Amino acid sequence: YAVHADYYIILRLCARVARVDVRTLHMGVLNFQKRLEQIENRI
């Protein structure tokens, strides 16, 4: 998982607040961004 420092700082605290693994939350962000891209392509 290659990311910038800014994104990782947000990700690790959000994962701690949500009580989930950091990589699990990262996968959720990637899936949601992919869904947004598909919606934009359809539009």
All heavy atoms as atom14 arrays in JSON, in Angstrom:
{
  "sequence": "YAVHADYYIILRLCARVARVDVRTLHMGVLNFQKRLEQIENRI",
  "atom14_mask": [
    [1, 1, 1, 1, 1, 1, 1, 1, 1, 1, 1, 1, 0, 0],
    [1, 1, 1, 1, 1, 0, 0, 0, 0, 0, 0, 0, 0, 0],
    [1, 1, 1, 1, 1, 1, 1, 0, 0, 0, 0, 0, 0, 0],
    [1, 1, 1, 1, 1, 1, 1, 1, 1, 1, 0, 0, 0, 0],
    [1, 1, 1, 1, 1, 0, 0, 0, 0, 0, 0, 0, 0, 0],
    [1, 1, 1, 1, 1, 1, 1, 1, 0, 0, 0, 0, 0, 0],
    [1, 1, 1, 1, 1, 1, 1, 1, 1, 1, 1, 1, 0, 0],
    [1, 1, 1, 1, 1, 1, 1, 1, 1, 1, 1, 1, 0, 0],
    [1, 1, 1, 1, 1, 1, 1, 1, 0, 0, 0, 0, 0, 0],
    [1, 1, 1, 1, 1, 1, 1, 1, 0, 0, 0, 0, 0, 0],
    [1, 1, 1, 1, 1, 1, 1, 1, 0, 0, 0, 0, 0, 0],
    [1, 1, 1, 1, 1, 1, 1, 1, 1, 1, 1, 0, 0, 0],
    [1, 1, 1, 1, 1, 1, 1, 1, 0, 0, 0, 0, 0, 0],
    [1, 1, 1, 1, 1, 1, 0, 0, 0, 0, 0, 0, 0, 0],
    [1, 1, 1, 1, 1, 0, 0, 0, 0, 0, 0, 0, 0, 0],
    [1, 1, 1, 1, 1, 1, 1, 1, 1, 1, 1, 0, 0, 0],
    [1, 1, 1, 1, 1, 1, 1, 0, 0, 0, 0, 0, 0, 0],
    [1, 1, 1, 1, 1, 0, 0, 0, 0, 0, 0, 0, 0, 0],
    [1, 1, 1, 1, 1, 1, 1, 1, 1, 1, 1, 0, 0, 0],
    [1, 1, 1, 1, 1, 1, 1, 0, 0, 0, 0, 0, 0, 0],
    [1, 1, 1, 1, 1, 1, 1, 1, 0, 0, 0, 0, 0, 0],
    [1, 1, 1, 1, 1, 1, 1, 0, 0, 0, 0, 0, 0, 0],
    [1, 1, 1, 1, 1, 1, 1, 1, 1, 1, 1, 0, 0, 0],
    [1, 1, 1, 1, 1, 1, 1, 0, 0, 0, 0, 0, 0, 0],
    [1, 1, 1, 1, 1, 1, 1, 1, 0, 0, 0, 0, 0, 0],
    [1, 1, 1, 1, 1, 1, 1, 1, 1, 1, 0, 0, 0, 0],
    [1, 1, 1, 1, 1, 1, 1, 1, 0, 0, 0, 0, 0, 0],
    [1, 1, 1, 1, 0, 0, 0, 0, 0, 0, 0, 0, 0, 0],
    [1, 1, 1, 1, 1, 1, 1, 0, 0, 0, 0, 0, 0, 0],
    [1, 1, 1, 1, 1, 1, 1, 1, 0, 0, 0, 0, 0, 0],
    [1, 1, 1, 1, 1, 1, 1, 1, 0, 0, 0, 0, 0, 0],
    [1, 1, 1, 1, 1, 1, 1, 1, 1, 1, 1, 0, 0, 0],
    [1, 1, 1, 1, 1, 1, 1, 1, 1, 0, 0, 0, 0, 0],
    [1, 1, 1, 1, 1, 1, 1, 1, 1, 0, 0, 0, 0, 0],
    [1, 1, 1, 1, 1, 1, 1, 1, 1, 1, 1, 0, 0, 0],
    [1, 1, 1, 1, 1, 1, 1, 1, 0, 0, 0, 0, 0, 0],
    [1, 1, 1, 1, 1, 1, 1, 1, 1, 0, 0, 0, 0, 0],
    [1, 1, 1, 1, 1, 1, 1, 1, 1, 0, 0, 0, 0, 0],
    [1, 1, 1, 1, 1, 1, 1, 1, 0, 0, 0, 0, 0, 0],
    [1, 1, 1, 1, 1, 1, 1, 1, 1, 0, 0, 0, 0, 0],
    [1, 1, 1, 1, 1, 1, 1, 1, 0, 0, 0, 0, 0, 0],
    [1, 1, 1, 1, 1, 1, 1, 1, 1, 1, 1, 0, 0, 0],
    [1, 1, 1, 1, 1, 1, 1, 1, 0, 0, 0, 0, 0, 0]
  ],
  "atom14_positions": [
    [[0.86, -1.18, 0.0], [0.0, 0.0, 0.0], [0.9, 1.23, 0.0], [1.48, 1.58, 1.03], [-0.92, 0.01, 1.22], [-1.77, -1.25, 1.36], [-1.27, -2.36, 2.03], [-3.04, -1.3, 0.83], [-2.04, -3.51, 2.17], [-3.83, -2.44, 0.96], [-3.31, -3.53, 1.62], [-4.08, -4.67, 1.76], [0.0, 0.0, 0.0], [0.0, 0.0, 0.0]],
    [[1.03, 1.87, -1.15], [1.87, 3.06, -1.29], [0.99, 4.3, -1.23], [0.11, 4.49, -2.07], [2.63, 3.02, -2.61], [0.0, 0.0, 0.0], [0.0, 0.0, 0.0], [0.0, 0.0, 0.0], [0.0, 0.0, 0.0], [0.0, 0.0, 0.0], [0.0, 0.0, 0.0], [0.0, 0.0, 0.0], [0.0, 0.0, 0.0], [0.0, 0.0, 0.0]],
    [[1.21, 5.17, -0.22], [0.39, 6.36, -0.01], [1.29, 7.5, 0.44], [2.44, 7.31, 0.85], [-0.71, 6.11, 1.04], [-1.7, 5.05, 0.57], [-0.1, 5.73, 2.38], [0.0, 0.0, 0.0], [0.0, 0.0, 0.0], [0.0, 0.0, 0.0], [0.0, 0.0, 0.0], [0.0, 0.0, 0.0], [0.0, 0.0, 0.0], [0.0, 0.0, 0.0]],
    [[0.74, 8.72, 0.37], [1.43, 9.9, 0.87], [1.24, 10.0, 2.38], [0.35, 9.38, 2.97], [0.91, 11.15, 0.19], [1.35, 11.28, -1.23], [0.56, 10.89, -2.29], [2.51, 11.74, -1.77], [1.2, 11.11, -3.43], [2.38, 11.63, -3.15], [0.0, 0.0, 0.0], [0.0, 0.0, 0.0], [0.0, 0.0, 0.0], [0.0, 0.0, 0.0]],
    [[2.08, 10.83, 2.98], [2.03, 11.0, 4.44], [0.74, 11.67, 4.88], [0.17, 11.31, 5.92], [3.24, 11.81, 4.9], [0.0, 0.0, 0.0], [0.0, 0.0, 0.0], [0.0, 0.0, 0.0], [0.0, 0.0, 0.0], [0.0, 0.0, 0.0], [0.0, 0.0, 0.0], [0.0, 0.0, 0.0], [0.0, 0.0, 0.0], [0.0, 0.0, 0.0]],
    [[0.25, 12.65, 4.1], [-0.98, 13.36, 4.47], [-2.15, 12.39, 4.61], [-2.89, 12.41, 5.59], [-1.31, 14.43, 3.43], [-0.19, 15.45, 3.29], [0.75, 15.39, 4.08], [-0.28, 16.3, 2.38], [0.0, 0.0, 0.0], [0.0, 0.0, 0.0], [0.0, 0.0, 0.0], [0.0, 0.0, 0.0], [0.0, 0.0, 0.0], [0.0, 0.0, 0.0]],
    [[-2.31, 11.57, 3.6], [-3.42, 10.62, 3.59], [-3.29, 9.61, 4.72], [-4.27, 9.24, 5.37], [-3.48, 9.92, 2.23], [-4.45, 8.77, 2.17], [-5.82, 9.0, 2.1], [-4.0, 7.46, 2.16], [-6.71, 7.93, 2.04], [-4.88, 6.39, 2.1], [-6.24, 6.64, 2.04], [-7.11, 5.59, 1.97], [0.0, 0.0, 0.0], [0.0, 0.0, 0.0]],
    [[-2.08, 9.14, 4.98], [-1.88, 8.14, 6.02], [-2.18, 8.69, 7.41], [-2.71, 7.98, 8.27], [-0.45, 7.61, 5.97], [-0.16, 6.56, 7.01], [-0.63, 5.26, 6.84], [0.55, 6.87, 8.16], [-0.38, 4.28, 7.81], [0.81, 5.9, 9.13], [0.34, 4.61, 8.94], [0.58, 3.67, 9.89], [0.0, 0.0, 0.0], [0.0, 0.0, 0.0]],
    [[-1.85, 9.97, 7.65], [-2.14, 10.59, 8.95], [-3.65, 10.63, 9.19], [-4.13, 10.37, 10.3], [-1.52, 11.99, 9.01], [0.01, 11.88, 9.08], [-2.05, 12.77, 10.2], [0.71, 13.21, 9.02], [0.0, 0.0, 0.0], [0.0, 0.0, 0.0], [0.0, 0.0, 0.0], [0.0, 0.0, 0.0], [0.0, 0.0, 0.0], [0.0, 0.0, 0.0]],
    [[-4.41, 10.95, 8.15], [-5.88, 10.92, 8.28], [-6.37, 9.5, 8.46], [-7.24, 9.22, 9.3], [-6.53, 11.57, 7.03], [-6.08, 13.02, 6.9], [-8.04, 11.49, 7.12], [-6.61, 13.7, 5.64], [0.0, 0.0, 0.0], [0.0, 0.0, 0.0], [0.0, 0.0, 0.0], [0.0, 0.0, 0.0], [0.0, 0.0, 0.0], [0.0, 0.0, 0.0]],
    [[-5.8, 8.58, 7.7], [-6.29, 7.2, 7.69], [-6.09, 6.5, 9.03], [-7.0, 5.83, 9.53], [-5.59, 6.42, 6.57], [-6.09, 5.01, 6.29], [-7.48, 5.06, 5.66], [-5.13, 4.26, 5.39], [0.0, 0.0, 0.0], [0.0, 0.0, 0.0], [0.0, 0.0, 0.0], [0.0, 0.0, 0.0], [0.0, 0.0, 0.0], [0.0, 0.0, 0.0]],
    [[-4.92, 6.67, 9.63], [-4.63, 5.91, 10.84], [-5.46, 6.37, 12.02], [-5.89, 5.55, 12.85], [-3.14, 6.01, 11.17], [-2.67, 7.4, 11.57], [-1.21, 7.41, 11.94], [-0.77, 8.73, 12.39], [0.47, 8.98, 12.8], [1.37, 8.02, 12.8], [0.79, 10.2, 13.21], [0.0, 0.0, 0.0], [0.0, 0.0, 0.0], [0.0, 0.0, 0.0]],
    [[-5.74, 7.68, 12.12], [-6.59, 8.15, 13.21], [-8.04, 7.75, 12.98], [-8.74, 7.35, 13.92], [-6.47, 9.67, 13.35], [-7.35, 10.28, 14.45], [-7.04, 9.67, 15.8], [-7.2, 11.79, 14.5], [0.0, 0.0, 0.0], [0.0, 0.0, 0.0], [0.0, 0.0, 0.0], [0.0, 0.0, 0.0], [0.0, 0.0, 0.0], [0.0, 0.0, 0.0]],
    [[-8.52, 7.85, 11.75], [-9.9, 7.44, 11.45], [-10.09, 5.95, 11.73], [-11.15, 5.53, 12.19], [-10.25, 7.76, 10.0], [-10.39, 9.53, 9.65], [0.0, 0.0, 0.0], [0.0, 0.0, 0.0], [0.0, 0.0, 0.0], [0.0, 0.0, 0.0], [0.0, 0.0, 0.0], [0.0, 0.0, 0.0], [0.0, 0.0, 0.0], [0.0, 0.0, 0.0]],
    [[-9.06, 5.15, 11.44], [-9.16, 3.72, 11.72], [-9.21, 3.46, 13.22], [-9.93, 2.57, 13.69], [-7.98, 2.98, 11.1], [0.0, 0.0, 0.0], [0.0, 0.0, 0.0], [0.0, 0.0, 0.0], [0.0, 0.0, 0.0], [0.0, 0.0, 0.0], [0.0, 0.0, 0.0], [0.0, 0.0, 0.0], [0.0, 0.0, 0.0], [0.0, 0.0, 0.0]],
    [[-8.47, 4.24, 13.99], [-8.5, 4.06, 15.44], [-9.84, 4.49, 16.02], [-10.35, 3.84, 16.94], [-7.36, 4.85, 16.08], [-7.31, 4.79, 17.59], [-6.06, 5.42, 18.15], [-4.88, 4.6, 17.85], [-3.66, 4.88, 18.31], [-3.46, 5.96, 19.08], [-2.63, 4.11, 18.01], [0.0, 0.0, 0.0], [0.0, 0.0, 0.0], [0.0, 0.0, 0.0]],
    [[-10.43, 5.54, 15.49], [-11.73, 6.0, 15.97], [-12.82, 4.99, 15.61], [-13.71, 4.7, 16.42], [-12.06, 7.4, 15.39], [-13.5, 7.78, 15.66], [-11.12, 8.44, 15.97], [0.0, 0.0, 0.0], [0.0, 0.0, 0.0], [0.0, 0.0, 0.0], [0.0, 0.0, 0.0], [0.0, 0.0, 0.0], [0.0, 0.0, 0.0], [0.0, 0.0, 0.0]],
    [[-12.75, 4.45, 14.4], [-13.74, 3.46, 13.96], [-13.48, 2.07, 14.5], [-14.29, 1.16, 14.29], [-13.8, 3.42, 12.43], [0.0, 0.0, 0.0], [0.0, 0.0, 0.0], [0.0, 0.0, 0.0], [0.0, 0.0, 0.0], [0.0, 0.0, 0.0], [0.0, 0.0, 0.0], [0.0, 0.0, 0.0], [0.0, 0.0, 0.0], [0.0, 0.0, 0.0]],
    [[-12.32, 1.85, 15.16], [-11.93, 0.56, 15.74], [-11.85, -0.53, 14.67], [-12.39, -1.63, 14.84], [-12.91, 0.14, 16.84], [-13.0, 1.12, 17.99], [-13.76, 0.51, 19.15], [-14.06, 1.51, 20.16], [-15.24, 2.12, 20.26], [-16.2, 1.79, 19.43], [-15.45, 3.02, 21.19], [0.0, 0.0, 0.0], [0.0, 0.0, 0.0], [0.0, 0.0, 0.0]],
    [[-11.21, -0.2, 13.55], [-10.98, -1.17, 12.49], [-9.51, -1.12, 12.12], [-8.78, -0.2, 12.49], [-11.86, -0.88, 11.25], [-13.33, -1.06, 11.58], [-11.59, 0.51, 10.7], [0.0, 0.0, 0.0], [0.0, 0.0, 0.0], [0.0, 0.0, 0.0], [0.0, 0.0, 0.0], [0.0, 0.0, 0.0], [0.0, 0.0, 0.0], [0.0, 0.0, 0.0]],
    [[-9.07, -2.12, 11.36], [-7.68, -2.15, 10.91], [-7.44, -1.07, 9.87], [-8.34, -0.71, 9.09], [-7.37, -3.53, 10.32], [-5.9, -3.67, 9.96], [-5.08, -3.79, 10.88], [-5.6, -3.64, 8.75], [0.0, 0.0, 0.0], [0.0, 0.0, 0.0], [0.0, 0.0, 0.0], [0.0, 0.0, 0.0], [0.0, 0.0, 0.0], [0.0, 0.0, 0.0]],
    [[-6.21, -0.54, 9.84], [-5.9, 0.55, 8.92], [-6.04, 0.09, 7.47], [-6.58, 0.81, 6.63], [-4.47, 1.07, 9.18], [-4.14, 2.22, 8.26], [-4.32, 1.5, 10.63], [0.0, 0.0, 0.0], [0.0, 0.0, 0.0], [0.0, 0.0, 0.0], [0.0, 0.0, 0.0], [0.0, 0.0, 0.0], [0.0, 0.0, 0.0], [0.0, 0.0, 0.0]],
    [[-5.58, -1.12, 7.16], [-5.69, -1.61, 5.78], [-7.13, -1.88, 5.39], [-7.51, -1.68, 4.22], [-4.84, -2.87, 5.63], [-3.34, -2.62, 5.67], [-2.59, -3.92, 5.82], [-2.85, -4.54, 7.11], [-2.52, -5.77, 7.42], [-1.93, -6.53, 6.52], [-2.77, -6.26, 8.61], [0.0, 0.0, 0.0], [0.0, 0.0, 0.0], [0.0, 0.0, 0.0]],
    [[-7.95, -2.31, 6.35], [-9.37, -2.52, 6.06], [-10.04, -1.2, 5.69], [-10.82, -1.13, 4.73], [-10.07, -3.16, 7.26], [-9.43, -4.39, 7.59], [-11.53, -3.4, 6.98], [0.0, 0.0, 0.0], [0.0, 0.0, 0.0], [0.0, 0.0, 0.0], [0.0, 0.0, 0.0], [0.0, 0.0, 0.0], [0.0, 0.0, 0.0], [0.0, 0.0, 0.0]],
    [[-9.74, -0.15, 6.44], [-10.31, 1.16, 6.12], [-9.79, 1.68, 4.78], [-10.52, 2.3, 4.01], [-10.0, 2.15, 7.25], [-10.57, 3.56, 7.08], [-12.09, 3.52, 6.92], [-10.19, 4.44, 8.27], [0.0, 0.0, 0.0], [0.0, 0.0, 0.0], [0.0, 0.0, 0.0], [0.0, 0.0, 0.0], [0.0, 0.0, 0.0], [0.0, 0.0, 0.0]],
    [[-8.51, 1.43, 4.5], [-7.94, 1.85, 3.21], [-8.65, 1.15, 2.05], [-8.92, 1.78, 1.02], [-6.45, 1.54, 3.19], [-5.76, 1.95, 1.92], [-5.78, 3.24, 1.43], [-5.03, 1.22, 1.02], [-5.1, 3.3, 0.3], [-4.64, 2.09, 0.04], [0.0, 0.0, 0.0], [0.0, 0.0, 0.0], [0.0, 0.0, 0.0], [0.0, 0.0, 0.0]],
    [[-8.96, -0.13, 2.2], [-9.71, -0.85, 1.17], [-11.1, -0.26, 0.99], [-11.6, -0.16, -0.13], [-9.81, -2.33, 1.52], [-8.52, -3.11, 1.32], [-7.94, -3.01, -0.39], [-9.38, -3.62, -1.26], [0.0, 0.0, 0.0], [0.0, 0.0, 0.0], [0.0, 0.0, 0.0], [0.0, 0.0, 0.0], [0.0, 0.0, 0.0], [0.0, 0.0, 0.0]],
    [[-11.72, 0.16, 2.09], [-13.02, 0.81, 1.97], [-12.95, 2.12, 1.21], [-13.84, 2.43, 0.41], [0.0, 0.0, 0.0], [0.0, 0.0, 0.0], [0.0, 0.0, 0.0], [0.0, 0.0, 0.0], [0.0, 0.0, 0.0], [0.0, 0.0, 0.0], [0.0, 0.0, 0.0], [0.0, 0.0, 0.0], [0.0, 0.0, 0.0], [0.0, 0.0, 0.0]],
    [[-11.9, 2.9, 1.45], [-11.73, 4.16, 0.71], [-11.5, 3.9, -0.77], [-12.07, 4.58, -1.64], [-10.57, 4.97, 1.31], [-10.3, 6.23, 0.49], [-10.87, 5.34, 2.76], [0.0, 0.0, 0.0], [0.0, 0.0, 0.0], [0.0, 0.0, 0.0], [0.0, 0.0, 0.0], [0.0, 0.0, 0.0], [0.0, 0.0, 0.0], [0.0, 0.0, 0.0]],
    [[-10.68, 2.9, -1.09], [-10.42, 2.57, -2.5], [-11.7, 2.11, -3.19], [-11.98, 2.51, -4.34], [-9.35, 1.48, -2.6], [-7.96, 1.82, -2.06], [-7.0, 0.66, -2.31], [-7.42, 3.1, -2.68], [0.0, 0.0, 0.0], [0.0, 0.0, 0.0], [0.0, 0.0, 0.0], [0.0, 0.0, 0.0], [0.0, 0.0, 0.0], [0.0, 0.0, 0.0]],
    [[-12.51, 1.3, -2.53], [-13.77, 0.85, -3.13], [-14.73, 2.0, -3.35], [-15.42, 2.07, -4.39], [-14.42, -0.22, -2.25], [-13.62, -1.49, -2.18], [-12.77, -1.76, -3.04], [-13.86, -2.3, -1.17], [0.0, 0.0, 0.0], [0.0, 0.0, 0.0], [0.0, 0.0, 0.0], [0.0, 0.0, 0.0], [0.0, 0.0, 0.0], [0.0, 0.0, 0.0]],
    [[-14.8, 2.91, -2.4], [-15.72, 4.04, -2.55], [-15.25, 4.98, -3.66], [-16.08, 5.5, -4.43], [-15.84, 4.79, -1.23], [-16.76, 5.97, -1.28], [-18.13, 5.78, -1.44], [-16.28, 7.26, -1.19], [-18.99, 6.86, -1.5], [-17.13, 8.35, -1.24], [-18.49, 8.15, -1.39], [0.0, 0.0, 0.0], [0.0, 0.0, 0.0], [0.0, 0.0, 0.0]],
    [[-13.94, 5.22, -3.75], [-13.44, 6.06, -4.85], [-13.7, 5.43, -6.2], [-14.01, 6.12, -7.18], [-11.94, 6.31, -4.64], [-11.63, 7.2, -3.46], [-10.15, 7.4, -3.26], [-9.72, 8.39, -2.71], [-9.35, 6.45, -3.71], [0.0, 0.0, 0.0], [0.0, 0.0, 0.0], [0.0, 0.0, 0.0], [0.0, 0.0, 0.0], [0.0, 0.0, 0.0]],
    [[-13.61, 4.11, -6.28], [-13.91, 3.42, -7.53], [-15.38, 3.57, -7.89], [-15.73, 3.73, -9.07], [-13.54, 1.94, -7.4], [-13.72, 1.15, -8.68], [-13.25, -0.29, -8.5], [-13.41, -1.09, -9.79], [-12.96, -2.5, -9.61], [0.0, 0.0, 0.0], [0.0, 0.0, 0.0], [0.0, 0.0, 0.0], [0.0, 0.0, 0.0], [0.0, 0.0, 0.0]],
    [[-16.25, 3.53, -6.89], [-17.68, 3.71, -7.16], [-17.96, 5.12, -7.66], [-18.76, 5.32, -8.59], [-18.48, 3.43, -5.88], [-19.98, 3.67, -6.05], [-20.74, 3.28, -4.8], [-22.15, 3.55, -4.93], [-23.01, 2.77, -5.58], [-22.59, 1.66, -6.14], [-24.29, 3.1, -5.65], [0.0, 0.0, 0.0], [0.0, 0.0, 0.0], [0.0, 0.0, 0.0]],
    [[-17.3, 6.12, -7.06], [-17.48, 7.5, -7.53], [-17.02, 7.65, -8.97], [-17.65, 8.35, -9.77], [-16.72, 8.46, -6.61], [-17.24, 8.63, -5.19], [-16.35, 9.61, -4.43], [-18.68, 9.1, -5.18], [0.0, 0.0, 0.0], [0.0, 0.0, 0.0], [0.0, 0.0, 0.0], [0.0, 0.0, 0.0], [0.0, 0.0, 0.0], [0.0, 0.0, 0.0]],
    [[-15.91, 7.02, -9.31], [-15.41, 7.1, -10.68], [-16.39, 6.45, -11.66], [-16.63, 6.98, -12.76], [-14.06, 6.42, -10.77], [-13.4, 6.54, -12.14], [-12.05, 5.86, -12.18], [-11.72, 5.14, -11.23], [-11.33, 6.04, -13.18], [0.0, 0.0, 0.0], [0.0, 0.0, 0.0], [0.0, 0.0, 0.0], [0.0, 0.0, 0.0], [0.0, 0.0, 0.0]],
    [[-16.99, 5.34, -11.28], [-17.97, 4.7, -12.16], [-19.2, 5.56, -12.35], [-19.76, 5.63, -13.45], [-18.35, 3.33, -11.58], [-17.23, 2.32, -11.59], [-17.62, 1.03, -10.89], [-18.66, 0.94, -10.25], [-16.77, 0.01, -11.01], [0.0, 0.0, 0.0], [0.0, 0.0, 0.0], [0.0, 0.0, 0.0], [0.0, 0.0, 0.0], [0.0, 0.0, 0.0]],
    [[-19.64, 6.22, -11.28], [-20.81, 7.1, -11.4], [-20.5, 8.27, -12.32], [-21.32, 8.66, -13.17], [-21.24, 7.59, -10.01], [-21.75, 6.42, -9.17], [-22.32, 8.66, -10.12], [-22.11, 6.8, -7.75], [0.0, 0.0, 0.0], [0.0, 0.0, 0.0], [0.0, 0.0, 0.0], [0.0, 0.0, 0.0], [0.0, 0.0, 0.0], [0.0, 0.0, 0.0]],
    [[-19.32, 8.85, -12.19], [-18.93, 9.96, -13.07], [-18.85, 9.53, -14.52], [-19.25, 10.27, -15.43], [-17.59, 10.53, -12.6], [-17.67, 11.23, -11.26], [-16.31, 11.7, -10.79], [-15.31, 11.36, -11.47], [-16.23, 12.39, -9.76], [0.0, 0.0, 0.0], [0.0, 0.0, 0.0], [0.0, 0.0, 0.0], [0.0, 0.0, 0.0], [0.0, 0.0, 0.0]],
    [[-18.35, 8.33, -14.78], [-18.29, 7.83, -16.16], [-19.68, 7.64, -16.75], [-19.91, 7.92, -17.93], [-17.49, 6.53, -16.21], [-16.03, 6.73, -15.87], [-15.49, 7.83, -16.03], [-15.37, 5.68, -15.41], [0.0, 0.0, 0.0], [0.0, 0.0, 0.0], [0.0, 0.0, 0.0], [0.0, 0.0, 0.0], [0.0, 0.0, 0.0], [0.0, 0.0, 0.0]],
    [[-20.61, 7.14, -15.94], [-21.98, 6.97, -16.44], [-22.62, 8.31, -16.75], [-23.33, 8.46, -17.75], [-22.82, 6.21, -15.4], [-22.42, 4.77, -15.21], [-23.53, 4.01, -14.5], [-23.06, 2.76, -13.94], [-22.83, 2.54, -12.67], [-23.01, 3.52, -11.8], [-22.41, 1.36, -12.24], [0.0, 0.0, 0.0], [0.0, 0.0, 0.0], [0.0, 0.0, 0.0]],
    [[-22.4, 9.28, -15.86], [-22.97, 10.62, -16.1], [-22.38, 11.22, -17.37], [-23.1, 11.81, -18.2], [-22.7, 11.52, -14.89], [-23.47, 11.01, -13.66], [-23.09, 12.96, -15.19], [-23.19, 11.78, -12.4], [0.0, 0.0, 0.0], [0.0, 0.0, 0.0], [0.0, 0.0, 0.0], [0.0, 0.0, 0.0], [0.0, 0.0, 0.0], [0.0, 0.0, 0.0]]
  ]
}
